[in-house]
PDB file of N, CA and C in Angstrom:
ATOM      1  N   MET A   1      -3.267 -17.967  80.782  1.00  0.00           N
ATOM      2  CA  MET A   1      -2.227 -17.669  79.767  1.00  0.00           C
ATOM      3  C   MET A   1      -3.687 -16.736  79.039  1.00  0.00           C
ATOM      4  N   LYS A   2      -2.725 -15.644  78.371  1.00  0.00           N
ATOM      5  CA  LYS A   2      -3.649 -14.359  77.847  1.00  0.00           C
ATOM      6  C   LYS A   2      -4.230 -15.219  76.701  1.00  0.00           C
ATOM      7  N   ALA A   3      -6.001 -14.212  77.165  1.00  0.00           N
ATOM      8  CA  ALA A   3      -6.919 -14.288  75.881  1.00  0.00           C
ATOM      9  C   ALA A   3      -6.110 -14.259  74.593  1.00  0.00           C
ATOM     10  N   ASP A   4      -5.855 -13.479  74.129  1.00  0.00           N
ATOM     11  CA  ASP A   4      -5.227 -13.250  73.274  1.00  0.00           C
ATOM     12  C   ASP A   4      -4.101 -14.082  72.215  1.00  0.00           C
ATOM     13  N   ALA A   5      -3.774 -14.820  73.308  1.00  0.00           N
ATOM     14  CA  ALA A   5      -2.914 -16.333  72.417  1.00  0.00           C
ATOM     15  C   ALA A   5      -3.934 -17.541  71.826  1.00  0.00           C
ATOM     16  N   VAL A   6      -5.227 -17.176  72.408  1.00  0.00           N
ATOM     17  CA  VAL A   6      -6.047 -18.368  71.836  1.00  0.00           C
ATOM     18  C   VAL A   6      -6.861 -17.759  70.930  1.00  0.00           C
ATOM     19  N   ARG A   7      -7.059 -16.058  71.055  1.00  0.00           N
ATOM     20  CA  ARG A   7      -7.912 -15.688  69.595  1.00  0.00           C
ATOM     21  C   ARG A   7      -7.217 -16.485  68.161  1.00  0.00           C
ATOM     22  N   GLY A   8      -7.683 -16.700  67.187  1.00  0.00           N
ATOM     23  CA  GLY A   8      -7.471 -16.775  66.151  1.00  0.00           C
ATOM     24  C   GLY A   8      -7.258 -18.777  65.956  1.00  0.00           C
ATOM     25  N   HIS A   9      -7.448 -18.718  67.201  1.00  0.00           N
ATOM     26  CA  HIS A   9      -7.079 -20.588  66.734  1.00  0.00           C
ATOM     27  C   HIS A   9      -8.082 -21.140  68.110  1.00  0.00           C
ATOM     28  N   LEU A  10      -9.120 -20.570  68.260  1.00  0.00           N
ATOM     29  CA  LEU A  10     -10.107 -21.137  68.902  1.00  0.00           C
ATOM     30  C   LEU A  10     -11.118 -22.148  68.234  1.00  0.00           C
ATOM     31  N   ASP A  11     -11.182 -22.083  66.875  1.00  0.00           N
ATOM     32  CA  ASP A  11     -12.008 -22.790  65.833  1.00  0.00           C
ATOM     33  C   ASP A  11     -11.224 -24.052  65.517  1.00  0.00           C
ATOM     34  N   GLY A  12     -10.030 -24.032  65.564  1.00  0.00           N
ATOM     35  CA  GLY A  12      -9.305 -25.249  65.552  1.00  0.00           C
ATOM     36  C   GLY A  12      -9.307 -26.007  66.958  1.00  0.00           C
ATOM     37  N   LEU A  13      -9.010 -25.565  68.242  1.00  0.00           N
ATOM     38  CA  LEU A  13      -9.107 -26.145  69.652  1.00  0.00           C
ATOM     39  C   LEU A  13     -10.838 -26.946  69.930  1.00  0.00           C
ATOM     40  N   LEU A  14     -11.648 -26.408  68.829  1.00  0.00           N
ATOM     41  CA  LEU A  14     -13.070 -26.495  69.091  1.00  0.00           C
ATOM     42  C   LEU A  14     -13.035 -28.116  68.214  1.00  0.00           C
ATOM     43  N   LEU A  15     -12.666 -27.244  67.308  1.00  0.00           N
ATOM     44  CA  LEU A  15     -12.639 -29.046  66.310  1.00  0.00           C
ATOM     45  C   LEU A  15     -11.734 -29.882  66.814  1.00  0.00           C
ATOM     46  N   ALA A  16     -10.826 -30.497  67.322  1.00  0.00           N
ATOM     47  CA  ALA A  16      -9.666 -31.117  67.740  1.00  0.00           C
ATOM     48  C   ALA A  16     -10.403 -31.906  68.111  1.00  0.00           C
ATOM     49  N   VAL A  17     -11.510 -30.664  69.236  1.00  0.00           N
ATOM     50  CA  VAL A  17     -11.446 -31.924  70.728  1.00  0.00           C
ATOM     51  C   VAL A  17     -12.667 -32.255  70.777  1.00  0.00           C
ATOM     52  N   LEU A  18     -13.476 -32.259  69.296  1.00  0.00           N
ATOM     53  CA  LEU A  18     -14.731 -32.896  68.527  1.00  0.00           C
ATOM     54  C   LEU A  18     -14.723 -34.110  67.832  1.00  0.00           C
ATOM     55  N   GLU A  19     -13.368 -34.608  67.571  1.00  0.00           N
ATOM     56  CA  GLU A  19     -13.026 -35.383  66.659  1.00  0.00           C
ATOM     57  C   GLU A  19     -12.763 -36.726  66.917  1.00  0.00           C
ATOM     58  N   PRO A  20     -13.104 -36.568  68.758  1.00  0.00           N
ATOM     59  CA  PRO A  20     -13.133 -38.156  68.892  1.00  0.00           C
ATOM     60  C   PRO A  20     -14.882 -38.731  69.078  1.00  0.00           C
ATOM     61  N   GLY A  21     -15.926 -37.482  69.016  1.00  0.00           N
ATOM     62  CA  GLY A  21     -17.009 -38.200  68.973  1.00  0.00           C
ATOM     63  C   GLY A  21     -17.872 -36.677  69.871  1.00  0.00           C
ATOM     64  N   PRO A  22     -18.978 -36.344  69.875  1.00  0.00           N
ATOM     65  CA  PRO A  22     -19.832 -35.057  70.078  1.00  0.00           C
ATOM     66  C   PRO A  22     -19.730 -35.174  71.752  1.00  0.00           C
ATOM     67  N   LEU A  23     -19.069 -34.074  71.569  1.00  0.00           N
ATOM     68  CA  LEU A  23     -19.737 -33.273  73.564  1.00  0.00           C
ATOM     69  C   LEU A  23     -20.680 -31.887  73.177  1.00  0.00           C
ATOM     70  N   HIS A  24     -21.727 -31.986  74.873  1.00  0.00           N
ATOM     71  CA  HIS A  24     -22.401 -30.875  74.973  1.00  0.00           C
ATOM     72  C   HIS A  24     -20.785 -29.797  75.498  1.00  0.00           C
ATOM     73  N   GLY A  25     -21.474 -28.664  75.243  1.00  0.00           N
ATOM     74  CA  GLY A  25     -20.193 -27.935  76.140  1.00  0.00           C
ATOM     75  C   GLY A  25     -19.378 -27.209  77.154  1.00  0.00           C
ATOM     76  N   TYR A  26     -20.068 -27.632  78.499  1.00  0.00           N
ATOM     77  CA  TYR A  26     -19.667 -27.943  79.423  1.00  0.00           C
ATOM     78  C   TYR A  26     -18.237 -28.741  79.186  1.00  0.00           C
ATOM     79  N   ALA A  27     -18.660 -30.510  78.762  1.00  0.00           N
ATOM     80  CA  ALA A  27     -17.590 -30.815  78.349  1.00  0.00           C
ATOM     81  C   ALA A  27     -16.728 -30.656  77.596  1.00  0.00           C
ATOM     82  N   ILE A  28     -17.153 -30.082  76.269  1.00  0.00           N
ATOM     83  CA  ILE A  28     -16.295 -29.016  75.019  1.00  0.00           C
ATOM     84  C   ILE A  28     -15.053 -28.197  76.039  1.00  0.00           C
ATOM     85  N   ILE A  29     -15.365 -27.585  77.060  1.00  0.00           N
ATOM     86  CA  ILE A  29     -14.170 -26.627  78.102  1.00  0.00           C
ATOM     87  C   ILE A  29     -13.437 -28.159  78.455  1.00  0.00           C
ATOM     88  N   THR A  30     -14.294 -28.588  79.802  1.00  0.00           N
ATOM     89  CA  THR A  30     -13.538 -29.742  79.941  1.00  0.00           C
ATOM     90  C   THR A  30     -12.422 -30.298  79.801  1.00  0.00           C
ATOM     91  N   ALA A  31     -12.465 -30.278  78.108  1.00  0.00           N
ATOM     92  CA  ALA A  31     -11.798 -31.583  77.764  1.00  0.00           C
ATOM     93  C   ALA A  31     -10.673 -30.868  77.293  1.00  0.00           C
ATOM     94  N   VAL A  32     -11.106 -29.125  76.302  1.00  0.00           N
ATOM     95  CA  VAL A  32     -10.108 -28.536  75.807  1.00  0.00           C
ATOM     96  C   VAL A  32      -8.522 -27.847  77.673  1.00  0.00           C
ATOM     97  N   GLN A  33      -8.842 -27.503  78.546  1.00  0.00           N
ATOM     98  CA  GLN A  33      -8.622 -27.730  79.772  1.00  0.00           C
ATOM     99  C   GLN A  33      -7.725 -28.828  80.529  1.00  0.00           C
ATOM    100  N   ARG A  34      -8.636 -30.020  80.003  1.00  0.00           N
ATOM    101  CA  ARG A  34      -7.736 -31.194  80.754  1.00  0.00           C
ATOM    102  C   ARG A  34      -6.632 -31.516  79.404  1.00  0.00           C
ATOM    103  N   ARG A  35      -6.551 -31.289  78.078  1.00  0.00           N
ATOM    104  CA  ARG A  35      -5.767 -30.997  77.563  1.00  0.00           C
ATOM    105  C   ARG A  35      -4.472 -30.624  77.272  1.00  0.00           C
ATOM    106  N   SER A  36      -4.804 -29.617  77.440  1.00  0.00           N
ATOM    107  CA  SER A  36      -4.099 -28.117  77.639  1.00  0.00           C
ATOM    108  C   SER A  36      -3.005 -28.678  79.159  1.00  0.00           C
ATOM    109  N   GLY A  37      -3.095 -29.424  79.586  1.00  0.00           N
ATOM    110  CA  GLY A  37      -2.650 -29.309  81.047  1.00  0.00           C
ATOM    111  C   GLY A  37      -3.670 -28.314  82.195  1.00  0.00           C
ATOM    112  N   GLY A  38      -4.575 -27.695  82.370  1.00  0.00           N
ATOM    113  CA  GLY A  38      -4.743 -27.139  82.711  1.00  0.00           C
ATOM    114  C   GLY A  38      -4.614 -25.343  82.724  1.00  0.00           C
ATOM    115  N   VAL A  39      -3.816 -25.370  81.604  1.00  0.00           N
ATOM    116  CA  VAL A  39      -3.690 -23.598  80.351  1.00  0.00           C
ATOM    117  C   VAL A  39      -4.716 -23.233  80.672  1.00  0.00           C
ATOM    118  N   LEU A  40      -5.200 -24.103  79.450  1.00  0.00           N
ATOM    119  CA  LEU A  40      -6.151 -22.962  78.463  1.00  0.00           C
ATOM    120  C   LEU A  40      -7.623 -23.204  79.306  1.00  0.00           C
ATOM    121  N   GLU A  41      -8.220 -22.000  79.927  1.00  0.00           N
ATOM    122  CA  GLU A  41      -9.511 -21.909  80.144  1.00  0.00           C
ATOM    123  C   GLU A  41     -10.589 -20.761  79.676  1.00  0.00           C
ATOM    124  N   LEU A  42     -11.546 -22.065  78.975  1.00  0.00           N
ATOM    125  CA  LEU A  42     -12.235 -21.214  78.218  1.00  0.00           C
ATOM    126  C   LEU A  42     -14.021 -21.231  78.804  1.00  0.00           C
ATOM    127  N   ARG A  43     -14.542 -19.862  78.038  1.00  0.00           N
ATOM    128  CA  ARG A  43     -15.378 -19.262  78.927  1.00  0.00           C
ATOM    129  C   ARG A  43     -16.483 -20.189  78.219  1.00  0.00           C
ATOM    130  N   THR A  44     -17.953 -19.900  78.448  1.00  0.00           N
ATOM    131  CA  THR A  44     -18.901 -20.730  78.163  1.00  0.00           C
ATOM    132  C   THR A  44     -19.644 -18.973  77.256  1.00  0.00           C
ATOM    133  N   GLY A  45     -19.817 -17.735  77.346  1.00  0.00           N
ATOM    134  CA  GLY A  45     -19.638 -16.588  76.833  1.00  0.00           C
ATOM    135  C   GLY A  45     -18.288 -16.169  75.858  1.00  0.00           C
ATOM    136  N   THR A  46     -17.494 -17.456  75.619  1.00  0.00           N
ATOM    137  CA  THR A  46     -16.549 -17.551  74.370  1.00  0.00           C
ATOM    138  C   THR A  46     -16.801 -18.771  73.445  1.00  0.00           C
ATOM    139  N   ILE A  47     -17.337 -19.978  73.925  1.00  0.00           N
ATOM    140  CA  ILE A  47     -17.476 -21.213  73.314  1.00  0.00           C
ATOM    141  C   ILE A  47     -19.009 -21.326  71.991  1.00  0.00           C
ATOM    142  N   TYR A  48     -20.332 -20.730  73.121  1.00  0.00           N
ATOM    143  CA  TYR A  48     -21.284 -20.551  72.805  1.00  0.00           C
ATOM    144  C   TYR A  48     -21.164 -20.534  71.055  1.00  0.00           C
ATOM    145  N   PRO A  49     -20.661 -19.653  71.573  1.00  0.00           N
ATOM    146  CA  PRO A  49     -21.063 -18.302  70.190  1.00  0.00           C
ATOM    147  C   PRO A  49     -20.151 -18.134  68.993  1.00  0.00           C
ATOM    148  N   ALA A  50     -18.954 -19.554  69.168  1.00  0.00           N
ATOM    149  CA  ALA A  50     -17.829 -19.886  68.164  1.00  0.00           C
ATOM    150  C   ALA A  50     -18.837 -21.607  67.706  1.00  0.00           C
ATOM    151  N   LEU A  51     -18.592 -22.069  68.830  1.00  0.00           N
ATOM    152  CA  LEU A  51     -19.906 -23.311  67.896  1.00  0.00           C
ATOM    153  C   LEU A  51     -20.925 -22.829  67.129  1.00  0.00           C
ATOM    154  N   ASN A  52     -21.897 -22.438  67.916  1.00  0.00           N
ATOM    155  CA  ASN A  52     -22.744 -21.744  66.776  1.00  0.00           C
ATOM    156  C   ASN A  52     -22.513 -21.722  65.665  1.00  0.00           C
ATOM    157  N   ARG A  53     -21.114 -20.420  64.824  1.00  0.00           N
ATOM    158  CA  ARG A  53     -20.541 -20.341  64.201  1.00  0.00           C
ATOM    159  C   ARG A  53     -20.377 -21.573  63.138  1.00  0.00           C
ATOM    160  N   LEU A  54     -19.805 -22.048  64.513  1.00  0.00           N
ATOM    161  CA  LEU A  54     -19.416 -23.372  63.434  1.00  0.00           C
ATOM    162  C   LEU A  54     -20.298 -24.139  62.877  1.00  0.00           C
ATOM    163  N   GLU A  55     -21.005 -24.014  62.968  1.00  0.00           N
ATOM    164  CA  GLU A  55     -22.323 -25.449  62.792  1.00  0.00           C
ATOM    165  C   GLU A  55     -23.308 -24.544  61.552  1.00  0.00           C
ATOM    166  N   ARG A  56     -23.193 -22.811  62.092  1.00  0.00           N
ATOM    167  CA  ARG A  56     -23.861 -22.600  60.888  1.00  0.00           C
ATOM    168  C   ARG A  56     -22.988 -22.359  59.100  1.00  0.00           C
ATOM    169  N   LEU A  57     -21.781 -22.869  59.169  1.00  0.00           N
ATOM    170  CA  LEU A  57     -20.857 -22.878  58.233  1.00  0.00           C
ATOM    171  C   LEU A  57     -20.556 -23.752  57.956  1.00  0.00           C
ATOM    172  N   GLY A  58     -21.371 -24.562  59.139  1.00  0.00           N
ATOM    173  CA  GLY A  58     -21.585 -26.301  58.425  1.00  0.00           C
ATOM    174  C   GLY A  58     -20.240 -26.832  58.259  1.00  0.00           C
ATOM    175  N   LEU A  59     -19.177 -26.847  59.273  1.00  0.00           N
ATOM    176  CA  LEU A  59     -18.208 -27.413  60.327  1.00  0.00           C
ATOM    177  C   LEU A  59     -18.950 -28.733  61.253  1.00  0.00           C
ATOM    178  N   LEU A  60     -19.801 -28.380  62.097  1.00  0.00           N
ATOM    179  CA  LEU A  60     -20.171 -28.803  63.119  1.00  0.00           C
ATOM    180  C   LEU A  60     -21.697 -29.551  62.830  1.00  0.00           C
ATOM    181  N   SER A  61     -22.163 -30.628  63.221  1.00  0.00           N
ATOM    182  CA  SER A  61     -23.799 -30.110  63.411  1.00  0.00           C
ATOM    183  C   SER A  61     -23.783 -30.742  65.134  1.00  0.00           C
ATOM    184  N   SER A  62     -25.278 -30.210  65.656  1.00  0.00           N
ATOM    185  CA  SER A  62     -25.794 -30.473  66.866  1.00  0.00           C
ATOM    186  C   SER A  62     -26.998 -31.342  67.029  1.00  0.00           C
ATOM    187  N   SER A  63     -27.347 -31.796  68.223  1.00  0.00           N
ATOM    188  CA  SER A  63     -28.592 -32.910  68.237  1.00  0.00           C
ATOM    189  C   SER A  63     -28.931 -32.284  69.763  1.00  0.00           C
ATOM    190  N   TRP A  64     -30.250 -32.597  70.561  1.00  0.00           N
ATOM    191  CA  TRP A  64     -31.313 -32.602  72.248  1.00  0.00           C
ATOM    192  C   TRP A  64     -30.405 -33.687  72.454  1.00  0.00           C
ATOM    193  N   GLN A  65     -29.475 -33.999  73.293  1.00  0.00           N
ATOM    194  CA  GLN A  65     -29.279 -35.479  74.506  1.00  0.00           C
ATOM    195  C   GLN A  65     -30.019 -35.154  75.444  1.00  0.00           C
ATOM    196  N   SER A  66     -30.346 -36.209  75.525  1.00  0.00           N
ATOM    197  CA  SER A  66     -30.772 -36.331  77.314  1.00  0.00           C
ATOM    198  C   SER A  66     -30.212 -36.791  78.219  1.00  0.00           C
ATOM    199  N   GLU A  67     -29.411 -36.376  79.324  1.00  0.00           N
ATOM    200  CA  GLU A  67     -28.718 -37.118  80.485  1.00  0.00           C
ATOM    201  C   GLU A  67     -29.621 -36.566  81.672  1.00  0.00           C
ATOM    202  N   GLY A  68     -30.192 -38.374  82.620  1.00  0.00           N
ATOM    203  CA  GLY A  68     -30.609 -37.846  83.313  1.00  0.00           C
ATOM    204  C   GLY A  68     -32.004 -36.754  82.428  1.00  0.00           C
ATOM    205  N   GLU A  69     -32.583 -35.921  84.142  1.00  0.00           N
ATOM    206  CA  GLU A  69     -33.479 -35.269  83.735  1.00  0.00           C
ATOM    207  C   GLU A  69     -33.153 -34.025  82.626  1.00  0.00           C
ATOM    208  N   ARG A  70     -31.704 -33.655  82.164  1.00  0.00           N
ATOM    209  CA  ARG A  70     -31.266 -32.167  81.978  1.00  0.00           C
ATOM    210  C   ARG A  70     -30.615 -32.662  80.354  1.00  0.00           C
ATOM    211  N   ARG A  71     -31.631 -31.825  79.323  1.00  0.00           N
ATOM    212  CA  ARG A  71     -31.486 -32.242  78.105  1.00  0.00           C
ATOM    213  C   ARG A  71     -30.044 -31.125  78.023  1.00  0.00           C
ATOM    214  N   ARG A  72     -29.033 -31.111  76.983  1.00  0.00           N
ATOM    215  CA  ARG A  72     -28.232 -30.695  76.380  1.00  0.00           C
ATOM    216  C   ARG A  72     -27.938 -30.925  74.915  1.00  0.00           C
ATOM    217  N   ARG A  73     -27.202 -30.066  74.301  1.00  0.00           N
ATOM    218  CA  ARG A  73     -26.933 -29.642  72.789  1.00  0.00           C
ATOM    219  C   ARG A  73     -25.353 -30.718  73.210  1.00  0.00           C
ATOM    220  N   ALA A  74     -25.685 -31.759  72.096  1.00  0.00           N
ATOM    221  CA  ALA A  74     -24.128 -31.937  71.851  1.00  0.00           C
ATOM    222  C   ALA A  74     -24.029 -31.436  69.992  1.00  0.00           C
ATOM    223  N   TYR A  75     -22.519 -31.401  70.459  1.00  0.00           N
ATOM    224  CA  TYR A  75     -21.461 -30.829  68.594  1.00  0.00           C
ATOM    225  C   TYR A  75     -21.141 -32.606  68.344  1.00  0.00           C
ATOM    226  N   GLU A  76     -20.924 -32.262  67.459  1.00  0.00           N
ATOM    227  CA  GLU A  76     -20.128 -32.796  66.753  1.00  0.00           C
ATOM    228  C   GLU A  76     -19.464 -32.454  64.948  1.00  0.00           C
ATOM    229  N   LEU A  77     -18.255 -33.235  64.766  1.00  0.00           N
ATOM    230  CA  LEU A  77     -17.726 -32.456  63.199  1.00  0.00           C
ATOM    231  C   LEU A  77     -18.480 -33.733  62.295  1.00  0.00           C
ATOM    232  N   THR A  78     -18.568 -32.517  61.331  1.00  0.00           N
ATOM    233  CA  THR A  78     -19.446 -33.070  59.852  1.00  0.00           C
ATOM    234  C   THR A  78     -17.834 -33.197  58.845  1.00  0.00           C
ATOM    235  N   ASP A  79     -18.256 -33.800  58.033  1.00  0.00           N
ATOM    236  CA  ASP A  79     -17.317 -34.311  57.191  1.00  0.00           C
ATOM    237  C   ASP A  79     -15.922 -32.307  56.846  1.00  0.00           C
ATOM    238  N   ALA A  80     -17.407 -31.613  56.375  1.00  0.00           N
ATOM    239  CA  ALA A  80     -16.366 -30.268  56.072  1.00  0.00           C
ATOM    240  C   ALA A  80     -15.572 -29.726  57.256  1.00  0.00           C
ATOM    241  N   GLY A  81     -16.299 -30.188  58.331  1.00  0.00           N
ATOM    242  CA  GLY A  81     -15.155 -29.799  60.050  1.00  0.00           C
ATOM    243  C   GLY A  81     -14.200 -31.286  60.322  1.00  0.00           C
ATOM    244  N   ARG A  82     -14.462 -31.783  59.860  1.00  0.00           N
ATOM    245  CA  ARG A  82     -13.398 -33.016  59.659  1.00  0.00           C
ATOM    246  C   ARG A  82     -11.844 -32.284  59.015  1.00  0.00           C
ATOM    247  N   ALA A  83     -12.310 -31.683  57.195  1.00  0.00           N
ATOM    248  CA  ALA A  83     -11.994 -31.443  56.710  1.00  0.00           C
ATOM    249  C   ALA A  83     -10.709 -30.136  56.940  1.00  0.00           C
ATOM    250  N   SER A  84     -11.716 -29.249  57.283  1.00  0.00           N
ATOM    251  CA  SER A  84     -11.199 -27.933  58.212  1.00  0.00           C
ATOM    252  C   SER A  84     -10.383 -27.743  59.445  1.00  0.00           C
ATOM    253  N   LEU A  85     -10.848 -28.697  60.508  1.00  0.00           N
ATOM    254  CA  LEU A  85      -9.380 -29.379  61.160  1.00  0.00           C
ATOM    255  C   LEU A  85      -8.047 -29.658  60.529  1.00  0.00           C
ATOM    256  N   ALA A  86      -7.846 -30.385  59.539  1.00  0.00           N
ATOM    257  CA  ALA A  86      -7.138 -30.750  59.012  1.00  0.00           C
ATOM    258  C   ALA A  86      -6.241 -29.511  58.599  1.00  0.00           C
ATOM    259  N   GLY A  87      -6.722 -28.506  57.345  1.00  0.00           N
ATOM    260  CA  GLY A  87      -6.183 -27.555  57.303  1.00  0.00           C
ATOM    261  C   GLY A  87      -5.656 -26.441  58.896  1.00  0.00           C
ATOM    262  N   GLU A  88      -6.516 -26.417  59.347  1.00  0.00           N
ATOM    263  CA  GLU A  88      -5.950 -25.748  61.258  1.00  0.00           C
ATOM    264  C   GLU A  88      -4.279 -26.587  61.313  1.00  0.00           C
ATOM    265  N   ARG A  89      -4.800 -27.795  61.750  1.00  0.00           N
ATOM    266  CA  ARG A  89      -3.681 -28.754  61.931  1.00  0.00           C
ATOM    267  C   ARG A  89      -2.141 -28.170  61.042  1.00  0.00           C
ATOM    268  N   THR A  90      -2.316 -28.264  59.720  1.00  0.00           N
ATOM    269  CA  THR A  90      -1.290 -28.014  58.748  1.00  0.00           C
ATOM    270  C   THR A  90      -1.241 -25.893  58.808  1.00  0.00           C
ATOM    271  N   ALA A  91      -1.918 -25.569  59.051  1.00  0.00           N
ATOM    272  CA  ALA A  91      -1.841 -24.492  59.213  1.00  0.00           C
ATOM    273  C   ALA A  91      -0.923 -23.662  60.353  1.00  0.00           C
ATOM    274  N   TRP A  92      -0.964 -24.892  61.515  1.00  0.00           N
ATOM    275  CA  TRP A  92      -0.454 -24.919  62.914  1.00  0.00           C
ATOM    276  C   TRP A  92       0.563 -25.211  63.030  1.00  0.00           C
ATOM    277  N   SER A  93       0.774 -25.903  62.377  1.00  0.00           N
ATOM    278  CA  SER A  93       2.368 -26.325  62.044  1.00  0.00           C
ATOM    279  C   SER A  93       3.411 -25.594  61.209  1.00  0.00           C
ATOM    280  N   GLU A  94       3.390 -24.764  60.177  1.00  0.00           N
ATOM    281  CA  GLU A  94       3.329 -24.292  59.448  1.00  0.00           C
ATOM    282  C   GLU A  94       3.589 -23.283  60.439  1.00  0.00           C
ATOM    283  N   PHE A  95       2.707 -22.118  61.132  1.00  0.00           N
ATOM    284  CA  PHE A  95       2.876 -21.742  61.746  1.00  0.00           C
ATOM    285  C   PHE A  95       3.776 -21.580  63.037  1.00  0.00           C
ATOM    286  N   THR A  96       3.772 -22.682  64.190  1.00  0.00           N
ATOM    287  CA  THR A  96       4.509 -22.983  64.457  1.00  0.00           C
ATOM    288  C   THR A  96       6.191 -23.206  64.063  1.00  0.00           C
ATOM    289  N   GLN A  97       6.399 -23.377  63.142  1.00  0.00           N
ATOM    290  CA  GLN A  97       7.587 -23.981  62.755  1.00  0.00           C
ATOM    291  C   GLN A  97       8.296 -22.697  62.458  1.00  0.00           C
ATOM    292  N   ALA A  98       7.338 -21.651  61.739  1.00  0.00           N
ATOM    293  CA  ALA A  98       8.367 -20.051  61.287  1.00  0.00           C
ATOM    294  C   ALA A  98       8.515 -19.200  62.954  1.00  0.00           C
ATOM    295  N   ILE A  99       7.537 -19.533  63.165  1.00  0.00           N
ATOM    296  CA  ILE A  99       8.220 -18.702  64.724  1.00  0.00           C
ATOM    297  C   ILE A  99       9.355 -19.377  65.480  1.00  0.00           C
ATOM    298  N   GLY A 100       8.813 -20.749  65.740  1.00  0.00           N
ATOM    299  CA  GLY A 100      10.461 -21.414  66.273  1.00  0.00           C
ATOM    300  C   GLY A 100      11.912 -21.172  65.573  1.00  0.00           C
ATOM    301  N   SER A 101      11.583 -20.843  64.455  1.00  0.00           N
ATOM    302  CA  SER A 101      12.700 -20.813  63.400  1.00  0.00           C
ATOM    303  C   SER A 101      13.871 -19.091  63.531  1.00  0.00           C
ATOM    304  N   VAL A 102      12.247 -18.376  64.180  1.00  0.00           N
ATOM    305  CA  VAL A 102      12.661 -16.541  64.359  1.00  0.00           C
ATOM    306  C   VAL A 102      13.506 -17.042  65.929  1.00  0.00           C
ATOM    307  N   LEU A 103      12.139 -17.321  66.508  1.00  0.00           N
ATOM    308  CA  LEU A 103      12.616 -17.515  68.330  1.00  0.00           C
ATOM    309  C   LEU A 103      13.867 -18.312  68.439  1.00  0.00           C
ATOM    310  N   ASN A 104      14.151 -19.534  67.783  1.00  0.00           N
ATOM    311  CA  ASN A 104      15.170 -20.571  67.889  1.00  0.00           C
ATOM    312  C   ASN A 104      15.907 -20.318  66.846  1.00  0.00           C
ATOM    313  N   PRO A 105      16.607 -19.657  66.066  1.00  0.00           N
ATOM    314  CA  PRO A 105      17.161 -19.519  64.947  1.00  0.00           C
ATOM    315  C   PRO A 105      18.419 -21.163  64.825  1.00  0.00           C
ATOM    316  N   GLY A 106      18.887 -21.605  65.642  1.00  0.00           N
ATOM    317  CA  GLY A 106      19.986 -22.686  66.206  1.00  0.00           C
ATOM    318  C   GLY A 106      19.086 -23.706  65.746  1.00  0.00           C
ATOM    319  N   ALA A 107      18.238 -24.109  66.193  1.00  0.00           N
ATOM    320  CA  ALA A 107      17.528 -25.344  66.865  1.00  0.00           C
ATOM    321  C   ALA A 107      16.825 -26.027  65.499  1.00  0.00           C
ATOM    322  N   GLN A 108      17.075 -25.565  64.444  1.00  0.00           N
ATOM    323  CA  GLN A 108      15.863 -25.806  63.427  1.00  0.00           C
ATOM    324  C   GLN A 108      17.055 -26.664  62.847  1.00  0.00           C
ATOM    325  N   PRO A 109      18.379 -27.302  62.386  1.00  0.00           N
ATOM    326  CA  PRO A 109      18.581 -28.442  61.959  1.00  0.00           C
ATOM    327  C   PRO A 109      18.281 -27.880  60.078  1.00  0.00           C
ATOM    328  N   GLY A 110      19.052 -27.787  59.502  1.00  0.00           N
ATOM    329  CA  GLY A 110      19.258 -28.071  57.952  1.00  0.00           C
ATOM    330  C   GLY A 110      18.617 -26.582  57.920  1.00  0.00           C
ATOM    331  N   SER A 111      18.341 -25.948  58.665  1.00  0.00           N
ATOM    332  CA  SER A 111      16.923 -24.356  58.210  1.00  0.00           C
ATOM    333  C   SER A 111      17.882 -23.442  57.631  1.00  0.00           C
ATOM    334  N   SER A 112      16.969 -22.956  56.258  1.00  0.00           N
ATOM    335  CA  SER A 112      17.995 -22.239  55.237  1.00  0.00           C
ATOM    336  C   SER A 112      17.295 -20.477  55.448  1.00  0.00           C
ATOM    337  N   GLY A 113      16.441 -20.443  56.925  1.00  0.00           N
ATOM    338  CA  GLY A 113      16.647 -19.380  57.829  1.00  0.00           C
ATOM    339  C   GLY A 113      15.230 -18.183  56.517  1.00  0.00           C
ATOM    340  N   THR A 114      14.691 -18.910  55.967  1.00  0.00           N
ATOM    341  CA  THR A 114      13.690 -18.278  55.245  1.00  0.00           C
ATOM    342  C   THR A 114      12.251 -19.490  54.660  1.00  0.00           C
ATOM    343  N   ARG A 115      11.228 -19.178  54.428  1.00  0.00           N
ATOM    344  CA  ARG A 115      10.599 -19.853  54.445  1.00  0.00           C
ATOM    345  C   ARG A 115       9.246 -19.661  53.010  1.00  0.00           C
ATOM    346  N   PRO A 116       9.081 -19.925  52.564  1.00  0.00           N
ATOM    347  CA  PRO A 116       8.504 -19.148  51.332  1.00  0.00           C
ATOM    348  C   PRO A 116       6.618 -19.061  52.154  1.00  0.00           C
ATOM    349  N   GLY A 117       5.949 -18.265  51.831  1.00  0.00           N
ATOM    350  CA  GLY A 117       4.558 -18.601  52.183  1.00  0.00           C
ATOM    351  C   GLY A 117       3.936 -17.861  53.103  1.00  0.00           C
ATOM    352  N   LEU A 118       4.848 -17.115  54.143  1.00  0.00           N
ATOM    353  CA  LEU A 118       4.651 -16.890  55.358  1.00  0.00           C
ATOM    354  C   LEU A 118       4.720 -15.490  55.369  1.00  0.00           C
ATOM    355  N   ALA A 119       3.874 -14.647  54.371  1.00  0.00           N
ATOM    356  CA  ALA A 119       4.612 -13.010  54.284  1.00  0.00           C
ATOM    357  C   ALA A 119       3.095 -12.461  55.333  1.00  0.00           C
ATOM    358  N   THR A 120       3.330 -11.909  56.362  1.00  0.00           N
ATOM    359  CA  THR A 120       2.722 -10.936  57.041  1.00  0.00           C
ATOM    360  C   THR A 120       2.639  -9.458  56.759  1.00  0.00           C
TER     361      THR A 120
END
């Protein structure tokens, strides 16, 4: 999948895979890949800056955890992160419905063809 397709949705993807509980960076990459059926392959150079930014924004917290002799930073959602994830899900639903209405106009029963609030 093109990197441009993920741009703008990375925060939501990261927040969603952290919803069940704390994960370290590689586990986050693996979770996104697994949930997407292998379609989305995030790179460490992409996710770590995003995780650091989300932590600075107060949406994630992190702590060092030991796994055997290896120490890894694990990230988890804060209450603000859970609220942000809910907003991301709402925005994604509205976005996909609007795009679907344009790409497949006959597929939306009862659609009037216009949706307020989605101006570009």
